[in-house]
Amino acid sequence: MSRKPSIDYVGNGWGDKNLEGFKRHLAPKMDNVFQMLVGDRGDLCITDSVVGWYTIKQLGLQDQIEEMPLVLDQVPFVLCVGKGSKYSEVVGKLDAALKEARETGKLQQIYDRYR
């Protein structure tokens, strides 16, 4: 019995770095990853839960995919704004708003809406 590949998407740097040596099938987009997963073209995919569940819901596949309660990695994301951007003036305001949203639980409510 041969093992099916994991399914990943083109451009996933985390997968390129951490799944080297594993049998992977690369799909062109995240949508394709989940469609292939439910189509039995692979056994698993590794992605972040917020983007993953948002995509799964958009495709109507919530009843066909199960998330395992395992955190493989935590990767920090940062927002970069060019110094010459018209938005550079609002970076401080955005930081304060995110801090408040985190402290009041609003940020968690937003995450939960996409899960």
N, C-alpha and C. Protein backbone atom coordinates (compact mmCIF):
# COMPACT_ATOMS: atom_id res chain seq x y z
N MET A 1 0.85 -1.17 0.00
CA MET A 1 0.00 0.00 0.00
C MET A 1 0.90 1.24 0.00
N SER A 2 0.68 2.13 -0.95
CA SER A 2 1.51 3.33 -1.00
C SER A 2 0.83 4.46 -0.23
N ARG A 3 1.64 5.25 0.38
CA ARG A 3 1.16 6.40 1.16
C ARG A 3 0.87 7.54 0.20
N LYS A 4 -0.24 8.22 0.42
CA LYS A 4 -0.58 9.39 -0.40
C LYS A 4 0.27 10.56 0.05
N PRO A 5 0.48 11.50 -0.86
CA PRO A 5 1.30 12.67 -0.48
C PRO A 5 0.51 13.63 0.40
N SER A 6 1.24 14.50 1.06
CA SER A 6 0.57 15.64 1.70
C SER A 6 0.30 16.63 0.57
N ILE A 7 -0.67 17.49 0.78
CA ILE A 7 -1.02 18.48 -0.23
C ILE A 7 -0.62 19.85 0.29
N ASP A 8 0.04 20.60 -0.53
CA ASP A 8 0.52 21.93 -0.16
C ASP A 8 0.25 22.85 -1.34
N TYR A 9 0.56 24.11 -1.19
CA TYR A 9 0.35 25.03 -2.31
C TYR A 9 1.66 25.70 -2.71
N VAL A 10 1.73 26.04 -3.97
CA VAL A 10 2.91 26.68 -4.53
C VAL A 10 3.13 28.02 -3.81
N GLY A 11 4.33 28.24 -3.36
CA GLY A 11 4.67 29.49 -2.69
C GLY A 11 4.64 29.41 -1.17
N ASN A 12 4.33 28.24 -0.63
CA ASN A 12 4.32 28.10 0.83
C ASN A 12 5.75 27.90 1.31
N GLY A 13 6.38 28.97 1.72
CA GLY A 13 7.77 28.91 2.17
C GLY A 13 7.96 28.04 3.40
N TRP A 14 6.95 28.03 4.29
CA TRP A 14 7.04 27.18 5.48
C TRP A 14 7.13 25.72 5.06
N GLY A 15 6.27 25.33 4.13
CA GLY A 15 6.28 23.94 3.66
C GLY A 15 7.58 23.61 2.95
N ASP A 16 8.06 24.54 2.13
CA ASP A 16 9.33 24.30 1.43
C ASP A 16 10.46 24.05 2.41
N LYS A 17 10.46 24.79 3.51
CA LYS A 17 11.53 24.68 4.50
C LYS A 17 11.37 23.47 5.41
N ASN A 18 10.17 23.23 5.88
CA ASN A 18 9.94 22.24 6.92
C ASN A 18 9.50 20.86 6.43
N LEU A 19 9.09 20.76 5.19
CA LEU A 19 8.62 19.47 4.69
C LEU A 19 9.54 18.88 3.63
N GLU A 20 10.76 19.37 3.61
CA GLU A 20 11.74 18.85 2.66
C GLU A 20 11.93 17.35 2.91
N GLY A 21 11.90 16.57 1.86
CA GLY A 21 12.07 15.13 1.99
C GLY A 21 10.76 14.37 2.10
N PHE A 22 9.66 15.08 2.34
CA PHE A 22 8.35 14.43 2.39
C PHE A 22 7.73 14.45 0.99
N LYS A 23 6.92 13.47 0.71
CA LYS A 23 6.20 13.42 -0.56
C LYS A 23 5.07 14.46 -0.50
N ARG A 24 5.15 15.50 -1.35
CA ARG A 24 4.17 16.58 -1.37
C ARG A 24 3.64 16.79 -2.77
N HIS A 25 2.37 17.03 -2.87
CA HIS A 25 1.78 17.46 -4.13
C HIS A 25 1.49 18.94 -3.99
N LEU A 26 2.00 19.76 -4.90
CA LEU A 26 1.82 21.20 -4.83
C LEU A 26 0.66 21.65 -5.72
N ALA A 27 -0.33 22.27 -5.10
CA ALA A 27 -1.47 22.81 -5.82
C ALA A 27 -1.21 24.28 -6.11
N PRO A 28 -1.84 24.82 -7.15
CA PRO A 28 -1.60 26.23 -7.48
C PRO A 28 -2.18 27.22 -6.48
N LYS A 29 -3.28 26.86 -5.80
CA LYS A 29 -3.92 27.79 -4.86
C LYS A 29 -4.41 27.03 -3.63
N MET A 30 -4.65 27.77 -2.56
CA MET A 30 -5.16 27.17 -1.33
C MET A 30 -6.50 26.47 -1.56
N ASP A 31 -7.38 27.06 -2.36
CA ASP A 31 -8.67 26.41 -2.66
C ASP A 31 -8.46 24.99 -3.16
N ASN A 32 -7.50 24.85 -4.07
CA ASN A 32 -7.23 23.53 -4.67
C ASN A 32 -6.75 22.53 -3.63
N VAL A 33 -6.02 23.00 -2.63
CA VAL A 33 -5.50 22.10 -1.59
C VAL A 33 -6.66 21.37 -0.92
N PHE A 34 -7.68 22.09 -0.50
CA PHE A 34 -8.79 21.47 0.22
C PHE A 34 -9.68 20.65 -0.70
N GLN A 35 -9.85 21.09 -1.94
CA GLN A 35 -10.62 20.30 -2.90
C GLN A 35 -9.93 18.97 -3.18
N MET A 36 -8.61 18.99 -3.26
CA MET A 36 -7.85 17.77 -3.48
C MET A 36 -7.89 16.86 -2.24
N LEU A 37 -7.89 17.47 -1.08
CA LEU A 37 -7.95 16.70 0.17
C LEU A 37 -9.26 15.92 0.25
N VAL A 38 -10.38 16.59 0.00
CA VAL A 38 -11.66 15.88 0.06
C VAL A 38 -11.84 14.96 -1.14
N GLY A 39 -11.10 15.20 -2.22
CA GLY A 39 -11.13 14.33 -3.38
C GLY A 39 -10.21 13.12 -3.23
N ASP A 40 -9.63 12.94 -2.04
CA ASP A 40 -8.78 11.79 -1.71
C ASP A 40 -7.49 11.74 -2.55
N ARG A 41 -6.98 12.91 -2.92
CA ARG A 41 -5.73 12.96 -3.68
C ARG A 41 -4.52 13.08 -2.77
N GLY A 42 -4.77 13.21 -1.49
CA GLY A 42 -3.72 13.28 -0.49
C GLY A 42 -4.32 13.02 0.87
N ASP A 43 -3.47 12.77 1.84
CA ASP A 43 -3.95 12.44 3.18
C ASP A 43 -4.09 13.65 4.10
N LEU A 44 -3.26 14.68 3.88
CA LEU A 44 -3.26 15.79 4.82
C LEU A 44 -2.69 17.03 4.18
N CYS A 45 -2.95 18.15 4.83
CA CYS A 45 -2.30 19.41 4.47
C CYS A 45 -1.96 20.12 5.78
N ILE A 46 -0.98 20.94 5.74
CA ILE A 46 -0.57 21.71 6.91
C ILE A 46 -0.72 23.19 6.55
N THR A 47 -1.52 23.89 7.34
CA THR A 47 -1.75 25.31 7.08
C THR A 47 -2.13 25.99 8.39
N ASP A 48 -2.21 27.31 8.37
CA ASP A 48 -2.66 27.99 9.57
C ASP A 48 -4.18 27.89 9.65
N SER A 49 -4.70 27.80 10.86
CA SER A 49 -6.12 27.50 11.03
C SER A 49 -7.04 28.64 10.59
N VAL A 50 -6.64 29.88 10.72
CA VAL A 50 -7.52 30.99 10.34
C VAL A 50 -7.75 31.00 8.83
N VAL A 51 -6.69 31.01 8.06
CA VAL A 51 -6.83 31.01 6.60
C VAL A 51 -7.45 29.69 6.14
N GLY A 52 -7.03 28.60 6.77
CA GLY A 52 -7.56 27.30 6.39
C GLY A 52 -9.07 27.22 6.55
N TRP A 53 -9.57 27.57 7.74
CA TRP A 53 -11.00 27.46 7.97
C TRP A 53 -11.80 28.48 7.18
N TYR A 54 -11.24 29.65 6.95
CA TYR A 54 -11.93 30.61 6.09
C TYR A 54 -12.12 30.01 4.69
N THR A 55 -11.07 29.42 4.15
CA THR A 55 -11.14 28.82 2.81
C THR A 55 -12.09 27.63 2.80
N ILE A 56 -12.00 26.79 3.81
CA ILE A 56 -12.87 25.61 3.90
C ILE A 56 -14.34 26.04 3.91
N LYS A 57 -14.66 27.07 4.69
CA LYS A 57 -16.05 27.56 4.73
C LYS A 57 -16.47 28.14 3.39
N GLN A 58 -15.58 28.89 2.76
CA GLN A 58 -15.91 29.48 1.45
C GLN A 58 -16.24 28.39 0.43
N LEU A 59 -15.58 27.24 0.56
CA LEU A 59 -15.80 26.12 -0.36
C LEU A 59 -16.94 25.21 0.09
N GLY A 60 -17.48 25.43 1.28
CA GLY A 60 -18.57 24.59 1.79
C GLY A 60 -18.12 23.19 2.18
N LEU A 61 -16.88 23.05 2.64
CA LEU A 61 -16.32 21.74 2.94
C LEU A 61 -16.19 21.46 4.44
N GLN A 62 -16.86 22.26 5.29
CA GLN A 62 -16.69 22.13 6.74
C GLN A 62 -16.98 20.72 7.25
N ASP A 63 -17.92 20.02 6.65
CA ASP A 63 -18.30 18.68 7.13
C ASP A 63 -17.40 17.58 6.58
N GLN A 64 -16.43 17.96 5.74
CA GLN A 64 -15.59 16.95 5.10
C GLN A 64 -14.13 17.00 5.52
N ILE A 65 -13.78 17.99 6.35
CA ILE A 65 -12.39 18.16 6.78
C ILE A 65 -12.35 18.31 8.29
N GLU A 66 -11.42 17.64 8.90
CA GLU A 66 -11.26 17.72 10.35
C GLU A 66 -9.90 18.31 10.68
N GLU A 67 -9.89 19.25 11.60
CA GLU A 67 -8.63 19.85 12.05
C GLU A 67 -8.11 19.05 13.24
N MET A 68 -6.87 18.66 13.18
CA MET A 68 -6.26 17.94 14.29
C MET A 68 -5.79 18.96 15.33
N PRO A 69 -5.96 18.67 16.61
CA PRO A 69 -5.58 19.63 17.66
C PRO A 69 -4.07 19.60 17.92
N LEU A 70 -3.32 19.93 16.92
CA LEU A 70 -1.87 19.88 17.01
C LEU A 70 -1.30 21.16 16.42
N VAL A 71 -0.49 21.85 17.18
CA VAL A 71 0.18 23.05 16.68
C VAL A 71 1.60 22.65 16.32
N LEU A 72 1.93 22.74 15.04
CA LEU A 72 3.25 22.33 14.57
C LEU A 72 4.28 23.44 14.70
N ASP A 73 3.82 24.68 14.60
CA ASP A 73 4.74 25.80 14.62
C ASP A 73 3.96 27.07 14.86
N GLN A 74 4.62 28.08 15.35
CA GLN A 74 4.04 29.40 15.44
C GLN A 74 4.97 30.34 14.69
N VAL A 75 4.40 31.04 13.74
CA VAL A 75 5.19 31.90 12.87
C VAL A 75 4.71 33.34 13.04
N PRO A 76 5.59 34.24 13.40
CA PRO A 76 5.15 35.63 13.55
C PRO A 76 4.93 36.28 12.18
N PHE A 77 3.89 37.07 12.11
CA PHE A 77 3.63 37.86 10.91
C PHE A 77 3.77 39.31 11.29
N VAL A 78 4.30 40.09 10.41
CA VAL A 78 4.44 41.53 10.66
C VAL A 78 3.81 42.30 9.51
N LEU A 79 3.39 43.48 9.81
CA LEU A 79 2.85 44.37 8.80
C LEU A 79 3.95 45.37 8.44
N CYS A 80 4.29 45.43 7.19
CA CYS A 80 5.34 46.36 6.74
C CYS A 80 4.70 47.44 5.88
N VAL A 81 5.01 48.67 6.19
CA VAL A 81 4.50 49.81 5.44
C VAL A 81 5.70 50.65 5.04
N GLY A 82 5.77 50.97 3.77
CA GLY A 82 6.87 51.79 3.29
C GLY A 82 6.86 53.18 3.92
N LYS A 83 8.03 53.71 4.22
CA LYS A 83 8.11 55.03 4.86
C LYS A 83 7.49 56.12 4.00
N GLY A 84 7.51 55.92 2.70
CA GLY A 84 6.92 56.91 1.81
C GLY A 84 5.45 56.69 1.54
N SER A 85 4.86 55.64 2.12
CA SER A 85 3.46 55.33 1.90
C SER A 85 2.55 56.35 2.57
N LYS A 86 1.41 56.60 1.94
CA LYS A 86 0.44 57.50 2.56
C LYS A 86 -0.14 56.90 3.84
N TYR A 87 0.06 55.60 4.05
CA TYR A 87 -0.47 54.94 5.24
C TYR A 87 0.53 54.91 6.40
N SER A 88 1.74 55.39 6.18
CA SER A 88 2.74 55.34 7.25
C SER A 88 2.32 56.16 8.47
N GLU A 89 1.49 57.15 8.25
CA GLU A 89 1.03 58.00 9.36
C GLU A 89 0.07 57.27 10.30
N VAL A 90 -0.56 56.20 9.83
CA VAL A 90 -1.57 55.53 10.65
C VAL A 90 -1.04 54.30 11.38
N VAL A 91 0.24 53.99 11.22
CA VAL A 91 0.80 52.80 11.85
C VAL A 91 0.62 52.84 13.37
N GLY A 92 0.89 53.96 14.00
CA GLY A 92 0.72 54.08 15.45
C GLY A 92 -0.73 53.90 15.87
N LYS A 93 -1.64 54.47 15.10
CA LYS A 93 -3.07 54.34 15.40
C LYS A 93 -3.52 52.88 15.24
N LEU A 94 -3.01 52.23 14.21
CA LEU A 94 -3.35 50.82 13.98
C LEU A 94 -2.82 49.96 15.13
N ASP A 95 -1.61 50.22 15.55
CA ASP A 95 -1.02 49.46 16.66
C ASP A 95 -1.86 49.62 17.92
N ALA A 96 -2.29 50.83 18.22
CA ALA A 96 -3.12 51.09 19.40
C ALA A 96 -4.47 50.40 19.29
N ALA A 97 -5.06 50.45 18.10
CA ALA A 97 -6.37 49.81 17.90
C ALA A 97 -6.26 48.29 18.04
N LEU A 98 -5.20 47.69 17.51
CA LEU A 98 -5.01 46.25 17.65
C LEU A 98 -4.78 45.86 19.11
N LYS A 99 -4.03 46.67 19.83
CA LYS A 99 -3.79 46.39 21.25
C LYS A 99 -5.11 46.42 22.01
N GLU A 100 -5.93 47.42 21.74
CA GLU A 100 -7.22 47.52 22.41
C GLU A 100 -8.12 46.34 22.04
N ALA A 101 -8.15 45.98 20.76
CA ALA A 101 -8.98 44.86 20.31
C ALA A 101 -8.53 43.55 20.97
N ARG A 102 -7.23 43.39 21.14
CA ARG A 102 -6.70 42.20 21.80
C ARG A 102 -7.12 42.18 23.27
N GLU A 103 -7.00 43.32 23.95
CA GLU A 103 -7.31 43.42 25.39
C GLU A 103 -8.80 43.26 25.68
N THR A 104 -9.66 43.71 24.79
CA THR A 104 -11.11 43.65 25.02
C THR A 104 -11.73 42.35 24.52
N GLY A 105 -10.95 41.52 23.82
CA GLY A 105 -11.49 40.27 23.30
C GLY A 105 -12.07 40.40 21.90
N LYS A 106 -12.11 41.60 21.36
CA LYS A 106 -12.67 41.82 20.02
C LYS A 106 -11.86 41.09 18.95
N LEU A 107 -10.55 41.07 19.09
CA LEU A 107 -9.70 40.39 18.12
C LEU A 107 -10.02 38.89 18.11
N GLN A 108 -10.23 38.30 19.26
CA GLN A 108 -10.59 36.88 19.33
C GLN A 108 -11.94 36.64 18.67
N GLN A 109 -12.88 37.56 18.84
CA GLN A 109 -14.19 37.45 18.19
C GLN A 109 -14.04 37.44 16.67
N ILE A 110 -13.14 38.26 16.17
CA ILE A 110 -12.90 38.31 14.73
C ILE A 110 -12.30 36.99 14.26
N TYR A 111 -11.30 36.47 14.99
CA TYR A 111 -10.73 35.16 14.65
C TYR A 111 -11.81 34.09 14.63
N ASP A 112 -12.63 34.08 15.66
CA ASP A 112 -13.67 33.05 15.79
C ASP A 112 -14.66 33.09 14.64
N ARG A 113 -14.93 34.27 14.12
CA ARG A 113 -15.87 34.41 13.01
C ARG A 113 -15.37 33.67 11.77
N TYR A 114 -14.06 33.54 11.62
CA TYR A 114 -13.49 32.89 10.45
C TYR A 114 -13.18 31.41 10.67
N ARG A 115 -13.41 30.91 11.85
CA ARG A 115 -13.15 29.49 12.16
C ARG A 115 -14.42 28.69 12.09
